[in-house]
Protein backbone atom coordinates (compact mmCIF):
# COMPACT_ATOMS: atom_id res chain seq x y z
CA UNK A 1 -1.69 25.96 23.88
CA UNK A 2 -4.28 28.46 25.03
CA UNK A 3 -4.52 29.70 28.61
CA UNK A 4 -7.41 31.96 29.58
CA UNK A 5 -8.45 33.49 32.88
CA UNK A 6 -12.14 32.67 33.45
CA UNK A 7 -12.88 35.25 36.13
CA UNK A 8 -14.00 38.82 35.72
CA UNK A 9 -11.47 41.04 33.97
CA UNK A 10 -13.14 44.26 35.10
CA UNK A 11 -10.87 46.58 37.09
CA UNK A 12 -13.47 46.99 39.82
CA UNK A 13 -13.47 43.24 40.42
CA UNK A 14 -9.66 43.10 40.53
CA UNK A 15 -9.71 45.90 43.07
CA UNK A 16 -12.37 44.13 45.15
CA UNK A 17 -10.32 40.92 45.28
CA UNK A 18 -7.28 42.91 46.33
CA UNK A 19 -9.39 44.57 49.01
CA UNK A 20 -10.24 41.18 50.54
CA UNK A 21 -6.59 40.13 50.56
CA UNK A 22 -5.52 43.47 52.05
CA UNK A 23 -8.09 42.97 54.82
CA UNK A 24 -6.42 39.67 55.64
CA UNK A 25 -3.00 41.32 55.51
CA UNK A 26 -4.08 43.99 57.97
CA UNK A 27 -6.10 41.83 60.35
CA UNK A 28 -3.22 41.03 62.72
CA UNK A 29 -1.63 44.47 62.37
CA UNK A 30 -4.44 46.96 62.92
CA UNK A 31 -7.18 47.47 65.46
CA UNK A 32 -10.80 46.75 64.61
CA UNK A 33 -13.05 43.91 63.50
CA UNK A 34 -12.85 42.21 60.14
CA UNK A 35 -15.73 44.22 58.71
CA UNK A 36 -14.29 47.49 60.06
CA UNK A 37 -10.95 46.72 58.42
CA UNK A 38 -12.65 45.72 55.19
CA UNK A 39 -14.62 48.96 55.06
CA UNK A 40 -11.45 50.96 55.65
CA UNK A 41 -9.47 49.27 52.87
CA UNK A 42 -10.90 51.31 49.99
CA UNK A 43 -7.64 52.68 48.55
CA UNK A 44 -6.48 50.25 45.84
CA UNK A 45 -2.90 51.50 45.60
CA UNK A 46 -2.44 51.28 49.37
CA UNK A 47 -3.97 47.80 49.37
CA UNK A 48 -1.50 46.61 46.73
CA UNK A 49 1.38 48.13 48.68
CA UNK A 50 0.28 46.42 51.93
CA UNK A 51 -0.19 43.03 50.29
CA UNK A 52 3.23 43.19 48.62
CA UNK A 53 4.89 44.10 51.92
CA UNK A 54 3.23 41.36 53.96
CA UNK A 55 3.57 38.76 51.20
CA UNK A 56 7.23 39.68 50.78
CA UNK A 57 7.78 39.01 54.49
CA UNK A 58 6.79 35.40 53.87
CA UNK A 59 3.20 35.61 55.13
CA UNK A 60 1.89 34.16 51.89
CA UNK A 61 -1.30 32.66 53.34
CA UNK A 62 -3.07 36.02 53.04
CA UNK A 63 -3.42 35.56 49.27
CA UNK A 64 -5.25 32.26 49.75
CA UNK A 65 -8.36 34.45 49.98
CA UNK A 66 -7.96 35.23 46.28
CA UNK A 67 -9.12 32.43 43.99
CA UNK A 68 -8.46 32.25 40.25
CA UNK A 69 -9.85 29.88 37.61
CA UNK A 70 -8.22 29.17 34.24
CA UNK A 71 -9.03 27.31 31.04
CA UNK A 72 -6.09 25.30 29.70
CA UNK A 73 -6.68 24.22 26.12
CA UNK A 74 -4.58 21.83 24.04
CA UNK A 75 -2.02 21.00 26.69
CA UNK A 76 -0.53 17.53 26.96
CA UNK A 77 -0.98 15.04 29.80
CA UNK A 78 2.60 15.96 30.78
CA UNK A 79 1.14 19.30 31.90
CA UNK A 80 -1.89 17.56 33.33
CA UNK A 81 0.12 15.27 35.60
CA UNK A 82 2.35 18.12 36.81
CA UNK A 83 -0.43 20.51 37.81
CA UNK A 84 -2.54 17.77 39.42
CA UNK A 85 0.42 17.20 41.71
CA UNK A 86 -0.39 20.50 43.43
CA UNK A 87 -2.63 19.26 46.20
CA UNK A 88 -4.66 22.45 46.65
CA UNK A 89 -5.68 22.89 43.01
CA UNK A 90 -9.14 22.12 41.71
CA UNK A 91 -9.46 20.74 38.21
CA UNK A 92 -11.80 19.04 35.78
CA UNK A 93 -10.29 17.10 32.88
CA UNK A 94 -11.86 15.65 29.76
CA UNK A 95 -12.28 11.92 30.32
CA UNK A 96 -10.41 9.43 28.16
CA UNK A 97 -12.67 6.62 29.32
CA UNK A 98 -15.71 7.82 27.41
CA UNK A 99 -14.49 10.33 24.79
CA UNK A 100 -12.93 9.36 21.45
CA UNK A 101 -9.44 10.94 21.28
CA UNK A 102 -8.48 9.94 17.73
CA UNK A 103 -8.89 13.47 16.35
CA UNK A 104 -7.84 15.63 19.35
CA UNK A 105 -4.44 16.57 17.93
CA UNK A 106 -1.02 16.52 19.55
CA UNK A 107 1.94 18.65 20.59
CA UNK A 108 5.12 18.85 18.52
CA UNK A 109 8.20 19.94 20.48
CA UNK A 110 11.27 21.63 19.12
CA UNK A 111 14.03 19.05 19.39
CA UNK A 112 17.08 20.30 21.28
CA UNK A 113 20.38 19.02 22.59
CA UNK A 114 21.12 18.40 26.28
CA UNK A 115 22.43 21.97 26.51
CA UNK A 116 19.19 23.37 25.07
CA UNK A 117 20.48 24.21 21.59
CA UNK A 118 18.07 23.61 18.70
CA UNK A 119 19.26 20.68 16.59
CA UNK A 120 20.16 21.59 12.98
CA UNK A 121 17.84 18.88 11.66
CA UNK A 122 14.95 19.91 13.94
CA UNK A 123 12.55 20.53 11.03
CA UNK A 124 13.18 17.08 9.56
CA UNK A 125 12.81 15.46 12.98
CA UNK A 126 9.52 17.30 13.56
CA UNK A 127 8.18 16.17 10.19
CA UNK A 128 8.99 12.51 10.89
CA UNK A 129 7.65 12.86 14.46
CA UNK A 130 4.30 14.23 13.21
CA UNK A 131 3.94 11.40 10.71
CA UNK A 132 4.69 8.88 13.44
CA UNK A 133 2.25 10.44 15.92
CA UNK A 134 -0.52 10.47 13.31
CA UNK A 135 0.17 6.75 12.87
CA UNK A 136 -0.25 6.13 16.59
CA UNK A 137 -3.63 7.85 16.57
CA UNK A 138 -4.65 5.68 13.61
CA UNK A 139 -3.67 2.61 15.62
CA UNK A 140 -5.83 3.90 18.45
CA UNK A 141 -8.67 4.13 15.92
CA UNK A 142 -7.96 0.61 14.66
CA UNK A 143 -8.38 -0.77 18.17
CA UNK A 144 -11.60 1.20 18.61
CA UNK A 145 -12.87 -0.21 15.31
CA UNK A 146 -12.06 -3.68 16.64
CA UNK A 147 -14.61 -2.94 19.40
CA UNK A 148 -12.01 -2.50 22.13
CA UNK A 149 -13.45 -0.16 24.81
CA UNK A 150 -12.15 3.41 24.50
CA UNK A 151 -10.81 3.27 28.05
CA UNK A 152 -8.49 0.47 26.88
CA UNK A 153 -7.71 1.90 23.45
CA UNK A 154 -6.21 4.93 25.23
CA UNK A 155 -3.30 2.78 26.44
CA UNK A 156 -1.65 3.34 23.03
CA UNK A 157 -2.18 7.11 23.03
CA UNK A 158 1.15 8.97 23.08
CA UNK A 159 1.71 11.49 25.84
CA UNK A 160 1.71 14.21 23.21
CA UNK A 161 -2.07 14.22 22.82
CA UNK A 162 -4.06 17.35 23.58
CA UNK A 163 -5.94 17.55 26.85
CA UNK A 164 -8.29 20.25 28.09
CA UNK A 165 -8.53 21.34 31.71
CA UNK A 166 -10.40 23.77 33.93
CA UNK A 167 -8.07 24.62 36.80
CA UNK A 168 -8.79 26.69 39.87
CA UNK A 169 -6.55 27.51 42.81
CA UNK A 170 -5.89 30.17 45.40
CA UNK A 171 -3.20 32.74 44.64
CA UNK A 172 -0.70 31.22 47.07
CA UNK A 173 -0.83 27.81 45.39
CA UNK A 174 -0.67 29.50 41.98
CA UNK A 175 2.42 31.41 43.11
CA UNK A 176 4.14 28.13 44.02
CA UNK A 177 3.04 26.49 40.77
CA UNK A 178 4.19 29.31 38.50
CA UNK A 179 7.58 29.39 40.20
CA UNK A 180 8.08 25.67 39.58
CA UNK A 181 6.90 25.87 35.98
CA UNK A 182 9.33 28.72 35.28
CA UNK A 183 12.37 27.82 37.37
CA UNK A 184 12.01 24.30 38.78
CA UNK A 185 13.27 21.03 37.31
CA UNK A 186 10.12 20.62 35.17
CA UNK A 187 10.80 23.99 33.51
CA UNK A 188 13.35 22.21 31.31
CA UNK A 189 10.37 20.86 29.34
CA UNK A 190 9.62 23.64 26.83
CA UNK A 191 5.85 23.18 26.97
CA UNK A 192 5.89 23.40 30.77
CA UNK A 193 7.86 26.63 30.75
CA UNK A 194 5.49 28.06 28.14
CA UNK A 195 2.56 27.36 30.44
CA UNK A 196 4.45 29.02 33.29
CA UNK A 197 5.02 32.14 31.19
CA UNK A 198 1.37 32.37 30.18
CA UNK A 199 0.14 31.88 33.75
CA UNK A 200 2.67 34.40 35.06
CA UNK A 201 1.39 37.05 32.65
CA UNK A 202 -2.23 36.42 33.64
CA UNK A 203 -1.30 36.24 37.32
CA UNK A 204 0.43 39.61 37.26
CA UNK A 205 -2.51 41.11 35.35
CA UNK A 206 -5.33 39.84 37.57
CA UNK A 207 -3.44 39.63 40.88
CA UNK A 208 -0.97 42.50 40.44
CA UNK A 209 0.22 42.35 44.05
CA UNK A 210 2.43 39.34 43.13
CA UNK A 211 4.43 41.10 40.42
CA UNK A 212 7.50 42.07 42.43
CA UNK A 213 7.56 38.80 44.36
CA UNK A 214 7.60 36.73 41.18
CA UNK A 215 10.32 38.94 39.71
CA UNK A 216 12.69 37.74 42.42
CA UNK A 217 11.57 34.13 42.38
CA UNK A 218 14.19 32.83 39.94
CA UNK A 219 17.03 33.27 42.42
CA UNK A 220 15.43 31.30 45.28
CA UNK A 221 17.76 28.65 46.71
CA UNK A 222 15.12 25.91 46.71
CA UNK A 223 15.33 25.60 42.91
CA UNK A 224 18.89 24.28 43.12
CA UNK A 225 19.47 20.57 42.56
CA UNK A 226 19.89 19.73 46.24
CA UNK A 227 19.50 15.97 45.76
CA UNK A 228 21.75 15.65 42.74
CA UNK A 229 24.55 14.15 44.82
CA UNK A 230 22.27 11.25 45.80
CA UNK A 231 21.32 10.63 42.17
CA UNK A 232 24.98 10.52 41.20
CA UNK A 233 25.78 8.04 43.95
CA UNK A 234 22.93 5.82 42.80
CA UNK A 235 24.28 5.97 39.24
CA UNK A 236 27.72 5.07 40.56
CA UNK A 237 26.20 2.02 42.22
CA UNK A 238 23.61 0.96 39.63
CA UNK A 239 25.10 2.28 36.39
CA UNK A 240 24.53 5.44 34.37
CA UNK A 241 21.47 4.09 32.51
CA UNK A 242 19.99 2.15 35.42
CA UNK A 243 16.55 3.76 34.97
CA UNK A 244 16.24 2.11 31.57
CA UNK A 245 16.49 -1.26 33.34
CA UNK A 246 14.34 -0.72 36.42
CA UNK A 247 11.69 -3.43 36.55
CA UNK A 248 8.02 -2.80 37.15
CA UNK A 249 6.70 -4.33 40.36
CA UNK A 250 4.55 -7.35 39.70
CA UNK A 251 1.92 -6.19 42.17
CA UNK A 252 1.03 -3.59 44.78
CA UNK A 253 3.24 -3.91 47.86
CA UNK A 254 2.62 -2.64 51.39
CA UNK A 255 5.98 -1.45 52.72
CA UNK A 256 4.96 -0.51 56.26
CA UNK A 257 2.05 0.51 58.46
CA UNK A 258 1.20 1.83 61.90
CA UNK A 259 1.58 -1.08 64.36
CA UNK A 260 -1.78 -2.54 65.37
CA UNK A 261 -3.80 0.01 63.37
CA UNK A 262 -7.21 -1.09 64.67
CA UNK A 263 -6.10 -0.48 68.24
CA UNK A 264 -4.44 2.83 67.33
CA UNK A 265 -7.68 4.12 65.81
CA UNK A 266 -9.84 3.05 68.75
CA UNK A 267 -7.46 4.43 71.38
CA UNK A 268 -7.27 7.72 69.47
CA UNK A 269 -11.07 7.84 69.47
CA UNK A 270 -11.19 7.25 73.23
CA UNK A 271 -8.58 9.97 73.79
CA UNK A 272 -10.63 12.35 71.65
CA UNK A 273 -13.86 11.66 73.55
CA UNK A 274 -12.49 11.46 77.10
CA UNK A 275 -9.26 13.50 77.27
CA UNK A 276 -7.74 10.56 79.13
CA UNK A 277 -4.10 9.66 78.50
CA UNK A 278 -3.16 7.08 75.92
CA UNK A 279 -2.17 4.60 78.63
CA UNK A 280 -5.49 5.05 80.42
CA UNK A 281 -7.41 4.58 77.17
CA UNK A 282 -5.43 1.43 76.41
CA UNK A 283 -6.38 -0.06 79.78
CA UNK A 284 -10.00 1.02 79.28
CA UNK A 285 -10.12 -0.58 75.83
CA UNK A 286 -8.78 -3.86 77.18
CA UNK A 287 -11.32 -3.90 79.99
CA UNK A 288 -14.21 -3.34 77.58
CA UNK A 289 -13.08 -6.30 75.50
CA UNK A 290 -13.88 -8.59 78.44
CA UNK A 291 -17.46 -9.88 78.08
CA UNK A 292 -18.43 -9.76 81.78
CA UNK A 293 -16.84 -6.37 82.39
CA UNK A 294 -18.53 -4.96 79.30
CA UNK A 295 -21.98 -6.20 80.40
CA UNK A 296 -21.49 -4.77 83.90
CA UNK A 297 -20.62 -1.36 82.45
CA UNK A 298 -23.58 -1.57 80.06
CA UNK A 299 -25.95 -2.14 83.00
CA UNK A 300 -24.60 0.96 84.70
CA UNK A 301 -24.83 2.98 81.49
CA UNK A 302 -28.43 1.92 80.83
CA UNK A 303 -29.44 3.07 84.31
CA UNK A 304 -28.74 6.61 83.14
CA UNK A 305 -30.84 8.61 80.65
CA UNK A 306 -29.38 8.09 77.13
CA UNK A 307 -30.55 8.87 73.61
CA UNK A 308 -32.26 6.23 71.47
CA UNK A 309 -29.21 5.56 69.27
CA UNK A 310 -26.99 5.00 72.30
CA UNK A 311 -29.56 2.77 74.03
CA UNK A 312 -30.03 0.66 70.90
CA UNK A 313 -26.29 0.05 70.52
CA UNK A 314 -25.81 -0.75 74.22
CA UNK A 315 -28.71 -3.19 74.23
CA UNK A 316 -27.46 -4.88 71.08
CA UNK A 317 -24.04 -5.42 72.70
CA UNK A 318 -25.62 -6.61 75.96
CA UNK A 319 -27.88 -9.14 74.25
CA UNK A 320 -25.17 -10.51 71.98
CA UNK A 321 -23.81 -13.94 72.86
CA UNK A 322 -20.32 -12.79 71.87
CA UNK A 323 -20.30 -8.98 72.10
CA UNK A 324 -17.54 -7.38 70.05
CA UNK A 325 -16.88 -3.96 71.52
CA UNK A 326 -13.97 -3.16 69.19
CA UNK A 327 -15.90 -4.13 66.07
CA UNK A 328 -18.95 -2.13 67.15
CA UNK A 329 -16.87 0.91 68.02
CA UNK A 330 -15.05 0.79 64.66
CA UNK A 331 -18.36 0.54 62.81
CA UNK A 332 -19.74 3.54 64.68
CA UNK A 333 -16.61 5.54 63.88
CA UNK A 334 -17.18 4.69 60.21
CA UNK A 335 -20.80 5.84 60.44
CA UNK A 336 -19.76 9.22 61.88
CA UNK A 337 -19.40 12.17 59.54
CA UNK A 338 -15.87 13.40 60.31
CA UNK A 339 -14.18 10.31 61.85
CA UNK A 340 -10.78 12.02 62.13
CA UNK A 341 -9.58 9.13 64.31
CA UNK A 342 -9.02 7.16 61.12
CA UNK A 343 -6.23 9.55 60.15
CA UNK A 344 -4.07 8.23 63.00
CA UNK A 345 -3.30 4.91 61.30
CA UNK A 346 -0.99 5.10 58.27
CA UNK A 347 -0.13 2.62 55.50
CA UNK A 348 2.73 2.96 53.01
CA UNK A 349 2.42 1.37 49.57
CA UNK A 350 4.50 1.02 46.44
CA UNK A 351 2.28 0.71 43.38
CA UNK A 352 3.01 -0.25 39.76
CA UNK A 353 0.75 1.95 37.67
CA UNK A 354 0.26 2.98 34.05
CA UNK A 355 0.30 6.58 32.88
CA UNK A 356 -3.28 6.03 31.71
CA UNK A 357 -4.36 5.57 35.32
CA UNK A 358 -1.76 7.63 37.17
CA UNK A 359 -3.93 10.75 37.11
CA UNK A 360 -6.77 8.74 38.68
CA UNK A 361 -4.60 8.37 41.78
CA UNK A 362 -2.73 11.69 41.64
CA UNK A 363 -6.03 13.55 41.69
CA UNK A 364 -6.84 12.17 45.15
CA UNK A 365 -5.32 14.90 47.28
CA UNK A 366 -5.33 13.37 50.74
CA UNK A 367 -2.42 10.99 50.40
CA UNK A 368 1.32 11.64 50.28
CA UNK A 369 2.13 10.60 46.73
CA UNK A 370 5.62 10.49 45.19
CA UNK A 371 5.68 10.09 41.39
CA UNK A 372 8.97 9.77 39.45
CA UNK A 373 9.96 12.71 37.26
CA UNK A 374 9.27 12.23 33.56
CA UNK A 375 12.98 12.51 32.84
CA UNK A 376 15.47 10.89 32.78
CA UNK A 377 13.29 8.49 30.79
CA UNK A 378 12.01 5.32 32.43
CA UNK A 379 12.27 1.76 31.14
CA UNK A 380 10.23 1.72 27.90
CA UNK A 381 9.76 -2.04 28.28
CA UNK A 382 7.53 -1.44 31.31
CA UNK A 383 3.94 -1.26 30.14
CA UNK A 384 0.54 -2.69 30.97
CA UNK A 385 -1.66 -4.65 28.54
CA UNK A 386 -5.44 -4.37 29.01
CA UNK A 387 -7.14 -7.78 29.07
CA UNK A 388 -9.52 -6.74 26.29
CA UNK A 389 -6.52 -6.17 24.03
CA UNK A 390 -4.63 -9.25 25.23
CA UNK A 391 -7.46 -11.52 24.05
CA UNK A 392 -6.98 -11.01 20.32
CA UNK A 393 -4.68 -8.03 19.73
CA UNK A 394 -1.70 -8.60 22.04
CA UNK A 395 0.84 -9.05 19.24
CA UNK A 396 -0.42 -5.87 17.55
CA UNK A 397 -0.19 -4.01 20.85
CA UNK A 398 3.34 -5.26 21.61
CA UNK A 399 4.47 -4.28 18.11
CA UNK A 400 3.24 -0.74 18.78
CA UNK A 401 5.33 -0.54 21.94
CA UNK A 402 8.40 -2.14 20.38
CA UNK A 403 8.38 0.26 17.43
CA UNK A 404 7.73 3.20 19.75
CA UNK A 405 10.88 2.31 21.71
CA UNK A 406 12.84 2.14 18.45
CA UNK A 407 11.60 5.60 17.48
CA UNK A 408 12.51 7.05 20.88
CA UNK A 409 16.00 5.56 20.70
CA UNK A 410 16.43 6.83 17.14
CA UNK A 411 15.69 10.38 18.28
CA UNK A 412 17.93 9.99 21.33
CA UNK A 413 20.76 8.84 19.06
CA UNK A 414 20.20 12.00 17.04
CA UNK A 415 21.14 13.94 20.16
CA UNK A 416 17.62 14.85 21.34
CA UNK A 417 17.49 15.51 25.09
CA UNK A 418 15.18 13.53 27.37
CA UNK A 419 13.05 16.62 28.08
CA UNK A 420 11.85 16.51 24.45
CA UNK A 421 11.59 12.71 24.32
CA UNK A 422 8.91 12.59 27.05
CA UNK A 423 6.25 12.76 24.33
CA UNK A 424 7.23 9.25 23.26
CA UNK A 425 5.75 7.85 26.44
CA UNK A 426 2.59 5.90 25.63
CA UNK A 427 -0.30 5.93 28.07
CA UNK A 428 0.24 2.26 28.88
CA UNK A 429 3.82 2.84 29.98
CA UNK A 430 4.11 2.22 33.70
CA UNK A 431 6.22 3.24 36.67
CA UNK A 432 6.47 2.45 40.38
CA UNK A 433 5.01 5.14 42.65
CA UNK A 434 5.16 5.44 46.43
CA UNK A 435 2.45 6.79 48.71
CA UNK A 436 1.40 6.98 52.34
CA UNK A 437 -2.34 6.79 53.01
CA UNK A 438 -4.20 7.23 56.25
CA UNK A 439 -7.17 5.01 57.05
CA UNK A 440 -9.72 7.71 56.34
CA UNK A 441 -8.38 8.22 52.85
CA UNK A 442 -8.24 4.45 52.27
CA UNK A 443 -11.88 4.19 53.32
CA UNK A 444 -12.85 6.85 50.79
CA UNK A 445 -10.60 5.39 48.08
CA UNK A 446 -12.10 1.91 48.46
CA UNK A 447 -15.63 3.31 48.37
CA UNK A 448 -14.88 4.78 44.92
CA UNK A 449 -12.31 2.45 43.38
CA UNK A 450 -13.51 -0.97 44.61
CA UNK A 451 -16.80 -0.32 42.82
CA UNK A 452 -17.50 -2.52 39.79
CA UNK A 453 -17.92 0.64 37.72
CA UNK A 454 -14.40 1.87 38.47
CA UNK A 455 -11.82 1.60 35.69
CA UNK A 456 -10.33 -1.90 35.89
CA UNK A 457 -6.72 -0.93 36.67
CA UNK A 458 -7.74 1.52 39.39
CA UNK A 459 -10.01 -1.19 40.82
CA UNK A 460 -7.24 -3.79 40.82
CA UNK A 461 -5.01 -1.41 42.77
CA UNK A 462 -7.73 -0.49 45.26
CA UNK A 463 -8.66 -4.15 45.77
CA UNK A 464 -5.02 -4.97 46.53
CA UNK A 465 -4.76 -2.09 49.00
CA UNK A 466 -7.94 -3.26 50.71
CA UNK A 467 -6.64 -6.80 51.11
CA UNK A 468 -3.39 -5.58 52.66
CA UNK A 469 -5.29 -3.37 55.10
CA UNK A 470 -7.67 -6.19 55.99
CA UNK A 471 -4.72 -8.40 56.88
CA UNK A 472 -3.22 -5.72 59.15
CA UNK A 473 -6.43 -4.21 60.54
CA UNK A 474 -9.39 -6.65 60.42
CA UNK A 475 -11.89 -4.30 62.08
CA UNK A 476 -11.02 -1.46 59.74
CA UNK A 477 -10.91 -3.89 56.82
CA UNK A 478 -14.47 -5.08 57.43
CA UNK A 479 -15.61 -1.56 56.56
CA UNK A 480 -13.67 -1.13 53.33
CA UNK A 481 -15.20 -1.56 49.90
CA UNK A 482 -17.89 -0.32 47.57
CA UNK A 483 -20.99 1.21 49.25
CA UNK A 484 -23.12 -1.75 48.15
CA UNK A 485 -20.76 -4.13 49.91
CA UNK A 486 -20.19 -2.12 53.10
CA UNK A 487 -23.45 -0.20 53.55
CA UNK A 488 -25.88 -2.16 51.36
CA UNK A 489 -26.65 0.86 49.21
CA UNK A 490 -25.46 2.32 45.90
CA UNK A 491 -25.05 6.04 45.09
CA UNK A 492 -25.00 5.50 41.31
CA UNK A 493 -28.75 5.66 40.78
CA UNK A 494 -29.84 4.27 37.41
CA UNK A 495 -26.16 3.88 36.50
CA UNK A 496 -25.73 1.26 39.22
CA UNK A 497 -24.14 -2.03 38.13
CA UNK A 498 -26.90 -3.71 40.19
CA UNK A 499 -24.40 -6.42 41.21
CA UNK A 500 -26.22 -6.94 44.48
CA UNK A 501 -29.65 -6.04 43.22
CA UNK A 502 -29.29 -2.51 44.58
CA UNK A 503 -30.16 0.82 43.09
CA UNK A 504 -29.85 4.30 44.53
CA UNK A 505 -30.73 4.79 48.19
């Protein structure tokens, strides 16, 4: 693993970044404008002292004005999934859809007991593990040689393979991340803790105002296992090894949603535009759904000076044999740039998803995603088979998964803890995740993932989400889908699938 800070390492640049943060720290404490405060903060040592004091008081948002970018080389997708879970990070990851991963290499852990003691036969276990992992990469190559698309071959890649990431985040988010990597539950994975140590060293070097705060981080109460009692009660009810028997959902399920989401969105929009109460907007909405009332109001509206867009919409409604005010209003909300009204209708889903595709959904920041921890280990019989493999290579694929489970259990029987067994996950292994999405996010998700060019598993999930939303919110649902379907245009340019005869507009 290599972790490198990609910003300027010059002392003058470190001091300038600290100066900006110190300006933020002093803004609510000293007289003067922002620029006056900035010009006065030219003593580096005093700036560091001020930042530490204010940050230590819990006002951590001041360091969000300091942004750091890192290169993470040869880390596993275990690391990848964990850091993507931080919603305010920015990252770019090497694609497995288009890049051949047969020769990328892999991580070899030190195999330890549950108490963290190195097993006496660790060297022998590592040797056998490396031979086995090399065999998995050969099997990946065999599928590629059988003309299986790379994006489907990756379903047999073990979660030990090397990934490369550019990661950027503000100092406050980095502070939270480093604390978790060093002292949180995930820190029990050796590779994760190693990343935490490397980031901590770089953090203290290039943002030295955090040094003392991080030194006291280990003793924070929020790292305790507060929910352990619930886990134990579940085990008492379901059995100690219940996770090994949890079944994968057979499809996406919608657990709940805002009642009458179409109406909720439209009433929220009316409240936003008029400042009327919710009850008043509800009555107004109902009145505008009546054809005669709507036409009478349109006549009054058209007697006043209005812009061309407004006049065109009013005339279209007036001349329609069956004017649909709600449908027109929803469409116009969709055409608006910010359309924050859509955020007022929520949908909760439980989704069966492979590890190969999990990052595709984790990377979307604007939904409330809950992903199971990597350990205790999940049910190794839960995995997804790509259709391209199922056609002629299903038996070969299933043999890979069956033998992989045998290898994992062999190492577990040798006393290896689950934290070191996580690298036996294959990319096709699947789990059930839970998320809450607002309508704005769903609109964006469907525009990207319902596209014919989206990876097939991500598309299947997005299509299912869209159908659920359409059943609960028909007006919203009419506006969900790929741009070619909803707006009759395609942003893909020459890469367009041209399914509807469209190219870039």
